Amino acid sequence: LLASVLGKNPATTVVVIDEVDLDNWGIGGLPVEAYR
């Protein structure tokens, strides 16, 4: 997507995926489980 939309070089594109425990994630001032 970055290559096609912005013309960025795939060889220098860095993608990092972080998996976050639910108790470390909040939405609207609430822990995500309470929000859900």
Full PDB file with SEQRES, HELIX, SHEET, SSBOND, CRYST1, ORIGX, SCALE, CONECT and MASTER records, all heavy atoms in Angstrom:
SEQRES   1 A   36  LEU LEU ALA SER VAL LEU GLY LYS ASN PRO ALA THR THR          
SEQRES   2 A   36  VAL VAL VAL ILE ASP GLU VAL ASP LEU ASP ASN TRP GLY          
SEQRES   3 A   36  ILE GLY GLY LEU PRO VAL GLU ALA TYR ARG                      
HELIX    1 AA1 LEU A    2  LEU A    6  1                                   5    
HELIX    2 AA2 PRO A   10  THR A   12  5                                   3    
HELIX    3 AA3 LEU A   22  ASN A   24  5                                   3    
HELIX    4 AA4 VAL A   32  TYR A   35  1                                   4    
SHEET    1 AA1 2 GLY A  26  ILE A  27  0                                        
SHEET    2 AA1 2 LEU A  30  PRO A  31 -1                                        
CRYST1    1.000    1.000    1.000  90.00  90.00  90.00 P 1           1          
ORIGX1      1.000000  0.000000  0.000000        0.00000                         
ORIGX2      0.000000  1.000000  0.000000        0.00000                         
ORIGX3      0.000000  0.000000  1.000000        0.00000                         
SCALE1      1.000000  0.000000  0.000000        0.00000                         
SCALE2      0.000000  1.000000  0.000000        0.00000                         
SCALE3      0.000000  0.000000  1.000000        0.00000                         
ATOM      1  N   LEU A   1       0.826  -1.207   0.000  1.00  0.00           N  
ATOM      2  CA  LEU A   1       0.000   0.000   0.000  1.00  0.00           C  
ATOM      3  C   LEU A   1       0.861   1.259   0.000  1.00  0.00           C  
ATOM      4  O   LEU A   1       0.596   2.198  -0.770  1.00  0.00           O  
ATOM      5  CB  LEU A   1      -0.932  -0.008   1.219  1.00  0.00           C  
ATOM      6  CG  LEU A   1      -1.937   1.130   1.317  1.00  0.00           C  
ATOM      7  CD1 LEU A   1      -2.916   1.095   0.153  1.00  0.00           C  
ATOM      8  CD2 LEU A   1      -2.680   1.048   2.643  1.00  0.00           C  
ATOM      9  N   LEU A   2       1.891   1.287   0.819  1.00  0.00           N  
ATOM     10  CA  LEU A   2       2.785   2.446   0.837  1.00  0.00           C  
ATOM     11  C   LEU A   2       3.503   2.607  -0.502  1.00  0.00           C  
ATOM     12  O   LEU A   2       3.718   3.738  -0.960  1.00  0.00           O  
ATOM     13  CB  LEU A   2       3.802   2.319   1.968  1.00  0.00           C  
ATOM     14  CG  LEU A   2       3.235   2.579   3.366  1.00  0.00           C  
ATOM     15  CD1 LEU A   2       4.240   2.174   4.425  1.00  0.00           C  
ATOM     16  CD2 LEU A   2       2.857   4.027   3.527  1.00  0.00           C  
ATOM     17  N   ALA A   3       3.851   1.504  -1.131  1.00  0.00           N  
ATOM     18  CA  ALA A   3       4.505   1.577  -2.441  1.00  0.00           C  
ATOM     19  C   ALA A   3       3.546   2.113  -3.498  1.00  0.00           C  
ATOM     20  O   ALA A   3       3.904   3.002  -4.281  1.00  0.00           O  
ATOM     21  CB  ALA A   3       5.024   0.201  -2.850  1.00  0.00           C  
ATOM     22  N   SER A   4       2.304   1.614  -3.519  1.00  0.00           N  
ATOM     23  CA  SER A   4       1.371   2.017  -4.578  1.00  0.00           C  
ATOM     24  C   SER A   4       0.804   3.419  -4.376  1.00  0.00           C  
ATOM     25  O   SER A   4       0.620   4.163  -5.336  1.00  0.00           O  
ATOM     26  CB  SER A   4       0.234   1.003  -4.709  1.00  0.00           C  
ATOM     27  OG  SER A   4      -0.622   1.041  -3.594  1.00  0.00           O  
ATOM     28  N   VAL A   5       0.537   3.805  -3.136  1.00  0.00           N  
ATOM     29  CA  VAL A   5      -0.091   5.104  -2.881  1.00  0.00           C  
ATOM     30  C   VAL A   5       0.935   6.230  -2.776  1.00  0.00           C  
ATOM     31  O   VAL A   5       0.735   7.315  -3.320  1.00  0.00           O  
ATOM     32  CB  VAL A   5      -0.962   5.053  -1.595  1.00  0.00           C  
ATOM     33  CG1 VAL A   5      -1.488   6.426  -1.231  1.00  0.00           C  
ATOM     34  CG2 VAL A   5      -2.115   4.069  -1.784  1.00  0.00           C  
ATOM     35  N   LEU A   6       2.047   5.964  -2.090  1.00  0.00           N  
ATOM     36  CA  LEU A   6       3.025   7.020  -1.832  1.00  0.00           C  
ATOM     37  C   LEU A   6       4.335   6.845  -2.592  1.00  0.00           C  
ATOM     38  O   LEU A   6       5.238   7.675  -2.474  1.00  0.00           O  
ATOM     39  CB  LEU A   6       3.322   7.104  -0.334  1.00  0.00           C  
ATOM     40  CG  LEU A   6       2.135   7.435   0.580  1.00  0.00           C  
ATOM     41  CD1 LEU A   6       2.578   7.427   2.034  1.00  0.00           C  
ATOM     42  CD2 LEU A   6       1.517   8.767   0.204  1.00  0.00           C  
ATOM     43  N   GLY A   7       4.456   5.757  -3.347  1.00  0.00           N  
ATOM     44  CA  GLY A   7       5.680   5.522  -4.099  1.00  0.00           C  
ATOM     45  C   GLY A   7       6.882   5.184  -3.225  1.00  0.00           C  
ATOM     46  O   GLY A   7       8.024   5.416  -3.621  1.00  0.00           O  
ATOM     47  N   LYS A   8       6.629   4.645  -2.031  1.00  0.00           N  
ATOM     48  CA  LYS A   8       7.716   4.317  -1.110  1.00  0.00           C  
ATOM     49  C   LYS A   8       8.399   3.011  -1.515  1.00  0.00           C  
ATOM     50  O   LYS A   8       7.758   2.086  -2.015  1.00  0.00           O  
ATOM     51  CB  LYS A   8       7.206   4.208   0.331  1.00  0.00           C  
ATOM     52  CG  LYS A   8       6.619   5.495   0.865  1.00  0.00           C  
ATOM     53  CD  LYS A   8       7.655   6.613   0.881  1.00  0.00           C  
ATOM     54  CE  LYS A   8       7.103   7.895   1.436  1.00  0.00           C  
ATOM     55  NZ  LYS A   8       8.071   8.967   1.468  1.00  0.00           N  
ATOM     56  N   ASN A   9       9.679   2.946  -1.284  1.00  0.00           N  
ATOM     57  CA  ASN A   9      10.473   1.782  -1.638  1.00  0.00           C  
ATOM     58  C   ASN A   9      10.195   0.645  -0.643  1.00  0.00           C  
ATOM     59  O   ASN A   9      10.478   0.793   0.550  1.00  0.00           O  
ATOM     60  CB  ASN A   9      11.958   2.145  -1.614  1.00  0.00           C  
ATOM     61  CG  ASN A   9      12.862   1.004  -2.015  1.00  0.00           C  
ATOM     62  OD1 ASN A   9      12.438  -0.122  -2.210  1.00  0.00           O  
ATOM     63  ND2 ASN A   9      14.139   1.311  -2.136  1.00  0.00           N  
ATOM     64  N   PRO A  10       9.674  -0.498  -1.101  1.00  0.00           N  
ATOM     65  CA  PRO A  10       9.412  -1.613  -0.193  1.00  0.00           C  
ATOM     66  C   PRO A  10      10.660  -2.090   0.552  1.00  0.00           C  
ATOM     67  O   PRO A  10      10.567  -2.560   1.693  1.00  0.00           O  
ATOM     68  CB  PRO A  10       8.880  -2.713  -1.115  1.00  0.00           C  
ATOM     69  CG  PRO A  10       8.306  -1.980  -2.278  1.00  0.00           C  
ATOM     70  CD  PRO A  10       9.199  -0.774  -2.456  1.00  0.00           C  
ATOM     71  N   ALA A  11      11.826  -1.953  -0.063  1.00  0.00           N  
ATOM     72  CA  ALA A  11      13.063  -2.428   0.560  1.00  0.00           C  
ATOM     73  C   ALA A  11      13.447  -1.629   1.805  1.00  0.00           C  
ATOM     74  O   ALA A  11      14.206  -2.114   2.641  1.00  0.00           O  
ATOM     75  CB  ALA A  11      14.198  -2.386  -0.450  1.00  0.00           C  
ATOM     76  N   THR A  12      12.909  -0.419   1.920  1.00  0.00           N  
ATOM     77  CA  THR A  12      13.241   0.408   3.087  1.00  0.00           C  
ATOM     78  C   THR A  12      12.031   0.675   3.981  1.00  0.00           C  
ATOM     79  O   THR A  12      12.081   1.531   4.863  1.00  0.00           O  
ATOM     80  CB  THR A  12      13.854   1.753   2.647  1.00  0.00           C  
ATOM     81  OG1 THR A  12      12.906   2.454   1.837  1.00  0.00           O  
ATOM     82  CG2 THR A  12      15.153   1.545   1.887  1.00  0.00           C  
ATOM     83  N   THR A  13      10.942  -0.056   3.743  1.00  0.00           N  
ATOM     84  CA  THR A  13       9.734   0.100   4.552  1.00  0.00           C  
ATOM     85  C   THR A  13       9.791  -0.861   5.731  1.00  0.00           C  
ATOM     86  O   THR A  13      10.010  -2.056   5.557  1.00  0.00           O  
ATOM     87  CB  THR A  13       8.473  -0.186   3.706  1.00  0.00           C  
ATOM     88  OG1 THR A  13       8.405   0.791   2.655  1.00  0.00           O  
ATOM     89  CG2 THR A  13       7.208  -0.104   4.538  1.00  0.00           C  
ATOM     90  N   VAL A  14       9.600  -0.322   6.924  1.00  0.00           N  
ATOM     91  CA  VAL A  14       9.630  -1.112   8.151  1.00  0.00           C  
ATOM     92  C   VAL A  14       8.213  -1.206   8.699  1.00  0.00           C  
ATOM     93  O   VAL A  14       7.524  -0.198   8.838  1.00  0.00           O  
ATOM     94  CB  VAL A  14      10.553  -0.449   9.200  1.00  0.00           C  
ATOM     95  CG1 VAL A  14      10.513  -1.212  10.515  1.00  0.00           C  
ATOM     96  CG2 VAL A  14      11.968  -0.334   8.663  1.00  0.00           C  
ATOM     97  N   VAL A  15       7.773  -2.433   9.009  1.00  0.00           N  
ATOM     98  CA  VAL A  15       6.461  -2.658   9.622  1.00  0.00           C  
ATOM     99  C   VAL A  15       6.680  -3.455  10.908  1.00  0.00           C  
ATOM    100  O   VAL A  15       7.329  -4.504  10.882  1.00  0.00           O  
ATOM    101  CB  VAL A  15       5.510  -3.425   8.680  1.00  0.00           C  
ATOM    102  CG1 VAL A  15       4.153  -3.654   9.352  1.00  0.00           C  
ATOM    103  CG2 VAL A  15       5.331  -2.684   7.362  1.00  0.00           C  
ATOM    104  N   VAL A  16       6.146  -2.933  12.008  1.00  0.00           N  
ATOM    105  CA  VAL A  16       6.251  -3.601  13.301  1.00  0.00           C  
ATOM    106  C   VAL A  16       4.842  -3.878  13.801  1.00  0.00           C  
ATOM    107  O   VAL A  16       3.980  -2.995  13.773  1.00  0.00           O  
ATOM    108  CB  VAL A  16       7.005  -2.722  14.324  1.00  0.00           C  
ATOM    109  CG1 VAL A  16       7.016  -3.362  15.698  1.00  0.00           C  
ATOM    110  CG2 VAL A  16       8.420  -2.439  13.837  1.00  0.00           C  
ATOM    111  N   ILE A  17       4.603  -5.096  14.260  1.00  0.00           N  
ATOM    112  CA  ILE A  17       3.308  -5.467  14.835  1.00  0.00           C  
ATOM    113  C   ILE A  17       3.500  -5.690  16.326  1.00  0.00           C  
ATOM    114  O   ILE A  17       4.300  -6.535  16.735  1.00  0.00           O  
ATOM    115  CB  ILE A  17       2.735  -6.726  14.173  1.00  0.00           C  
ATOM    116  CG1 ILE A  17       2.514  -6.480  12.676  1.00  0.00           C  
ATOM    117  CG2 ILE A  17       1.424  -7.142  14.848  1.00  0.00           C  
ATOM    118  CD1 ILE A  17       2.135  -7.723  11.892  1.00  0.00           C  
ATOM    119  N   ASP A  18       2.787  -4.916  17.132  1.00  0.00           N  
ATOM    120  CA  ASP A  18       2.797  -5.075  18.585  1.00  0.00           C  
ATOM    121  C   ASP A  18       1.481  -5.699  19.016  1.00  0.00           C  
ATOM    122  O   ASP A  18       0.406  -5.192  18.660  1.00  0.00           O  
ATOM    123  CB  ASP A  18       2.944  -3.727  19.298  1.00  0.00           C  
ATOM    124  CG  ASP A  18       4.304  -3.096  19.128  1.00  0.00           C  
ATOM    125  OD1 ASP A  18       5.307  -3.843  19.082  1.00  0.00           O  
ATOM    126  OD2 ASP A  18       4.371  -1.861  19.049  1.00  0.00           O  
ATOM    127  N   GLU A  19       1.568  -6.777  19.765  1.00  0.00           N  
ATOM    128  CA  GLU A  19       0.377  -7.375  20.356  1.00  0.00           C  
ATOM    129  C   GLU A  19       0.297  -6.915  21.814  1.00  0.00           C  
ATOM    130  O   GLU A  19       1.231  -7.095  22.579  1.00  0.00           O  
ATOM    131  CB  GLU A  19       0.440  -8.893  20.274  1.00  0.00           C  
ATOM    132  CG  GLU A  19       0.321  -9.398  18.841  1.00  0.00           C  
ATOM    133  CD  GLU A  19       0.281 -10.901  18.779  1.00  0.00           C  
ATOM    134  OE1 GLU A  19       1.358 -11.505  18.902  1.00  0.00           O  
ATOM    135  OE2 GLU A  19      -0.820 -11.450  18.622  1.00  0.00           O  
ATOM    136  N   VAL A  20      -0.832  -6.331  22.162  1.00  0.00           N  
ATOM    137  CA  VAL A  20      -1.009  -5.708  23.468  1.00  0.00           C  
ATOM    138  C   VAL A  20      -2.010  -6.522  24.279  1.00  0.00           C  
ATOM    139  O   VAL A  20      -3.089  -6.861  23.781  1.00  0.00           O  
ATOM    140  CB  VAL A  20      -1.515  -4.247  23.300  1.00  0.00           C  
ATOM    141  CG1 VAL A  20      -1.691  -3.582  24.648  1.00  0.00           C  
ATOM    142  CG2 VAL A  20      -0.571  -3.460  22.405  1.00  0.00           C  
ATOM    143  N   ASP A  21      -1.647  -6.838  25.525  1.00  0.00           N  
ATOM    144  CA  ASP A  21      -2.593  -7.525  26.411  1.00  0.00           C  
ATOM    145  C   ASP A  21      -3.826  -6.655  26.616  1.00  0.00           C  
ATOM    146  O   ASP A  21      -3.740  -5.419  26.671  1.00  0.00           O  
ATOM    147  CB  ASP A  21      -1.944  -7.811  27.766  1.00  0.00           C  
ATOM    148  CG  ASP A  21      -0.856  -8.855  27.686  1.00  0.00           C  
ATOM    149  OD1 ASP A  21      -0.984  -9.799  26.880  1.00  0.00           O  
ATOM    150  OD2 ASP A  21       0.130  -8.715  28.432  1.00  0.00           O  
ATOM    151  N   LEU A  22      -4.992  -7.299  26.755  1.00  0.00           N  
ATOM    152  CA  LEU A  22      -6.244  -6.552  26.913  1.00  0.00           C  
ATOM    153  C   LEU A  22      -6.221  -5.622  28.118  1.00  0.00           C  
ATOM    154  O   LEU A  22      -6.817  -4.534  28.065  1.00  0.00           O  
ATOM    155  CB  LEU A  22      -7.432  -7.511  27.027  1.00  0.00           C  
ATOM    156  CG  LEU A  22      -7.884  -8.180  25.734  1.00  0.00           C  
ATOM    157  CD1 LEU A  22      -9.068  -9.093  26.006  1.00  0.00           C  
ATOM    158  CD2 LEU A  22      -8.239  -7.154  24.680  1.00  0.00           C  
ATOM    159  N   ASP A  23      -5.541  -6.018  29.183  1.00  0.00           N  
ATOM    160  CA  ASP A  23      -5.532  -5.138  30.356  1.00  0.00           C  
ATOM    161  C   ASP A  23      -4.643  -3.917  30.174  1.00  0.00           C  
ATOM    162  O   ASP A  23      -4.613  -3.025  31.024  1.00  0.00           O  
ATOM    163  CB  ASP A  23      -5.163  -5.905  31.628  1.00  0.00           C  
ATOM    164  CG  ASP A  23      -3.797  -6.560  31.570  1.00  0.00           C  
ATOM    165  OD1 ASP A  23      -3.189  -6.633  30.478  1.00  0.00           O  
ATOM    166  OD2 ASP A  23      -3.333  -7.025  32.625  1.00  0.00           O  
ATOM    167  N   ASN A  24      -3.945  -3.831  29.054  1.00  0.00           N  
ATOM    168  CA  ASN A  24      -3.130  -2.656  28.721  1.00  0.00           C  
ATOM    169  C   ASN A  24      -3.746  -1.823  27.594  1.00  0.00           C  
ATOM    170  O   ASN A  24      -3.076  -0.976  27.017  1.00  0.00           O  
ATOM    171  CB  ASN A  24      -1.714  -3.089  28.307  1.00  0.00           C  
ATOM    172  CG  ASN A  24      -0.954  -3.701  29.446  1.00  0.00           C  
ATOM    173  OD1 ASN A  24      -1.091  -3.286  30.591  1.00  0.00           O  
ATOM    174  ND2 ASN A  24      -0.160  -4.695  29.155  1.00  0.00           N  
ATOM    175  N   TRP A  25      -5.011  -2.056  27.275  1.00  0.00           N  
ATOM    176  CA  TRP A  25      -5.667  -1.393  26.156  1.00  0.00           C  
ATOM    177  C   TRP A  25      -6.947  -0.746  26.674  1.00  0.00           C  
ATOM    178  O   TRP A  25      -7.740  -1.384  27.364  1.00  0.00           O  
ATOM    179  CB  TRP A  25      -6.017  -2.442  25.091  1.00  0.00           C  
ATOM    180  CG  TRP A  25      -6.411  -1.900  23.756  1.00  0.00           C  
ATOM    181  CD1 TRP A  25      -7.587  -1.283  23.448  1.00  0.00           C  
ATOM    182  CD2 TRP A  25      -5.665  -1.950  22.551  1.00  0.00           C  
ATOM    183  NE1 TRP A  25      -7.614  -0.940  22.128  1.00  0.00           N  
ATOM    184  CE2 TRP A  25      -6.432  -1.345  21.541  1.00  0.00           C  
ATOM    185  CE3 TRP A  25      -4.416  -2.441  22.218  1.00  0.00           C  
ATOM    186  CZ2 TRP A  25      -5.998  -1.230  20.230  1.00  0.00           C  
ATOM    187  CZ3 TRP A  25      -3.994  -2.337  20.910  1.00  0.00           C  
ATOM    188  CH2 TRP A  25      -4.779  -1.728  19.932  1.00  0.00           C  
ATOM    189  N   GLY A  26      -7.156   0.510  26.358  1.00  0.00           N  
ATOM    190  CA  GLY A  26      -8.362   1.191  26.804  1.00  0.00           C  
ATOM    191  C   GLY A  26      -9.001   2.003  25.687  1.00  0.00           C  
ATOM    192  O   GLY A  26      -8.332   2.445  24.760  1.00  0.00           O  
ATOM    193  N   ILE A  27     -10.303   2.178  25.800  1.00  0.00           N  
ATOM    194  CA  ILE A  27     -11.074   2.984  24.845  1.00  0.00           C  
ATOM    195  C   ILE A  27     -12.057   3.834  25.648  1.00  0.00           C  
ATOM    196  O   ILE A  27     -12.751   3.314  26.531  1.00  0.00           O  
ATOM    197  CB  ILE A  27     -11.869   2.103  23.850  1.00  0.00           C  
ATOM    198  CG1 ILE A  27     -10.945   1.165  23.083  1.00  0.00           C  
ATOM    199  CG2 ILE A  27     -12.671   2.976  22.873  1.00  0.00           C  
ATOM    200  CD1 ILE A  27     -11.677   0.131  22.240  1.00  0.00           C  
ATOM    201  N   GLY A  28     -12.127   5.092  25.347  1.00  0.00           N  
ATOM    202  CA  GLY A  28     -13.109   5.966  25.989  1.00  0.00           C  
ATOM    203  C   GLY A  28     -12.981   6.029  27.500  1.00  0.00           C  
ATOM    204  O   GLY A  28     -13.977   6.150  28.205  1.00  0.00           O  
ATOM    205  N   GLY A  29     -11.760   5.909  28.002  1.00  0.00           N  
ATOM    206  CA  GLY A  29     -11.546   5.996  29.436  1.00  0.00           C  
ATOM    207  C   GLY A  29     -11.784   4.707  30.195  1.00  0.00           C  
ATOM    208  O   GLY A  29     -11.754   4.704  31.423  1.00  0.00           O  
ATOM    209  N   LEU A  30     -12.027   3.621  29.465  1.00  0.00           N  
ATOM    210  CA  LEU A  30     -12.306   2.334  30.099  1.00  0.00           C  
ATOM    211  C   LEU A  30     -11.348   1.263  29.587  1.00  0.00           C  
ATOM    212  O   LEU A  30     -10.937   1.315  28.424  1.00  0.00           O  
ATOM    213  CB  LEU A  30     -13.732   1.877  29.770  1.00  0.00           C  
ATOM    214  CG  LEU A  30     -14.883   2.743  30.246  1.00  0.00           C  
ATOM    215  CD1 LEU A  30     -16.188   2.277  29.612  1.00  0.00           C  
ATOM    216  CD2 LEU A  30     -14.969   2.689  31.760  1.00  0.00           C  
ATOM    217  N   PRO A  31     -11.048   0.259  30.432  1.00  0.00           N  
ATOM    218  CA  PRO A  31     -10.349  -0.896  29.888  1.00  0.00           C  
ATOM    219  C   PRO A  31     -11.196  -1.506  28.771  1.00  0.00           C  
ATOM    220  O   PRO A  31     -12.428  -1.462  28.817  1.00  0.00           O  
ATOM    221  CB  PRO A  31     -10.243  -1.848  31.088  1.00  0.00           C  
ATOM    222  CG  PRO A  31     -10.385  -0.964  32.292  1.00  0.00           C  
ATOM    223  CD  PRO A  31     -11.312   0.141  31.855  1.00  0.00           C  
ATOM    224  N   VAL A  32     -10.561  -2.054  27.758  1.00  0.00           N  
ATOM    225  CA  VAL A  32     -11.288  -2.498  26.571  1.00  0.00           C  
ATOM    226  C   VAL A  32     -12.378  -3.517  26.891  1.00  0.00           C  
ATOM    227  O   VAL A  32     -13.451  -3.491  26.277  1.00  0.00           O  
ATOM    228  CB  VAL A  32     -10.318  -3.034  25.486  1.00  0.00           C  
ATOM    229  CG1 VAL A  32      -9.718  -4.365  25.860  1.00  0.00           C  
ATOM    230  CG2 VAL A  32     -11.027  -3.135  24.145  1.00  0.00           C  
ATOM    231  N   GLU A  33     -12.148  -4.398  27.852  1.00  0.00           N  
ATOM    232  CA  GLU A  33     -13.182  -5.386  28.169  1.00  0.00           C  
ATOM    233  C   GLU A  33     -14.434  -4.727  28.744  1.00  0.00           C  
ATOM    234  O   GLU A  33     -15.556  -5.097  28.411  1.00  0.00           O  
ATOM    235  CB  GLU A  33     -12.629  -6.456  29.104  1.00  0.00           C  
ATOM    236  CG  GLU A  33     -11.616  -7.349  28.385  1.00  0.00           C  
ATOM    237  CD  GLU A  33     -10.983  -8.385  29.283  1.00  0.00           C  
ATOM    238  OE1 GLU A  33     -10.580  -8.026  30.422  1.00  0.00           O  
ATOM    239  OE2 GLU A  33     -10.885  -9.534  28.843  1.00  0.00           O  
ATOM    240  N   ALA A  34     -14.263  -3.717  29.599  1.00  0.00           N  
ATOM    241  CA  ALA A  34     -15.413  -2.973  30.135  1.00  0.00           C  
ATOM    242  C   ALA A  34     -16.118  -2.196  29.024  1.00  0.00           C  
ATOM    243  O   ALA A  34     -17.345  -2.157  28.957  1.00  0.00           O  
ATOM    244  CB  ALA A  34     -14.958  -2.030  31.249  1.00  0.00           C  
ATOM    245  N   TYR A  35     -15.337  -1.591  28.150  1.00  0.00           N  
ATOM    246  CA  TYR A  35     -15.906  -0.863  27.010  1.00  0.00           C  
ATOM    247  C   TYR A  35     -16.751  -1.788  26.139  1.00  0.00           C  
ATOM    248  O   TYR A  35     -17.872  -1.446  25.744  1.00  0.00           O  
ATOM    249  CB  TYR A  35     -14.780  -0.238  26.199  1.00  0.00           C  
ATOM    250  CG  TYR A  35     -15.246   0.475  24.954  1.00  0.00           C  
ATOM    251  CD1 TYR A  35     -15.700   1.783  25.013  1.00  0.00           C  
ATOM    252  CD2 TYR A  35     -15.241  -0.164  23.715  1.00  0.00           C  
ATOM    253  CE1 TYR A  35     -16.137   2.442  23.881  1.00  0.00           C  
ATOM    254  CE2 TYR A  35     -15.668   0.491  22.575  1.00  0.00           C  
ATOM    255  CZ  TYR A  35     -16.124   1.795  22.657  1.00  0.00           C  
ATOM    256  OH  TYR A  35     -16.558   2.425  21.538  1.00  0.00           O  
ATOM    257  N   ARG A  36     -16.225  -2.974  25.852  1.00  0.00           N  
ATOM    258  CA  ARG A  36     -16.977  -3.936  25.032  1.00  0.00           C  
ATOM    259  C   ARG A  36     -18.264  -4.372  25.693  1.00  0.00           C  
ATOM    260  O   ARG A  36     -19.283  -4.546  25.008  1.00  0.00           O  
ATOM    261  CB  ARG A  36     -16.099  -5.153  24.742  1.00  0.00           C  
ATOM    262  CG  ARG A  36     -14.987  -4.858  23.757  1.00  0.00           C  
ATOM    263  CD  ARG A  36     -14.128  -6.081  23.572  1.00  0.00           C  
ATOM    264  NE  ARG A  36     -13.069  -5.835  22.599  1.00  0.00           N  
ATOM    265  CZ  ARG A  36     -12.092  -6.687  22.367  1.00  0.00           C  
ATOM    266  NH1 ARG A  36     -12.024  -7.843  23.020  1.00  0.00           N  
ATOM    267  NH2 ARG A  36     -11.169  -6.399  21.477  1.00  0.00           N  
TER     268      ARG A  36                                                      
MASTER        0    0    0    4    2    0    0    6  267    1    0    3          
END                                                                             
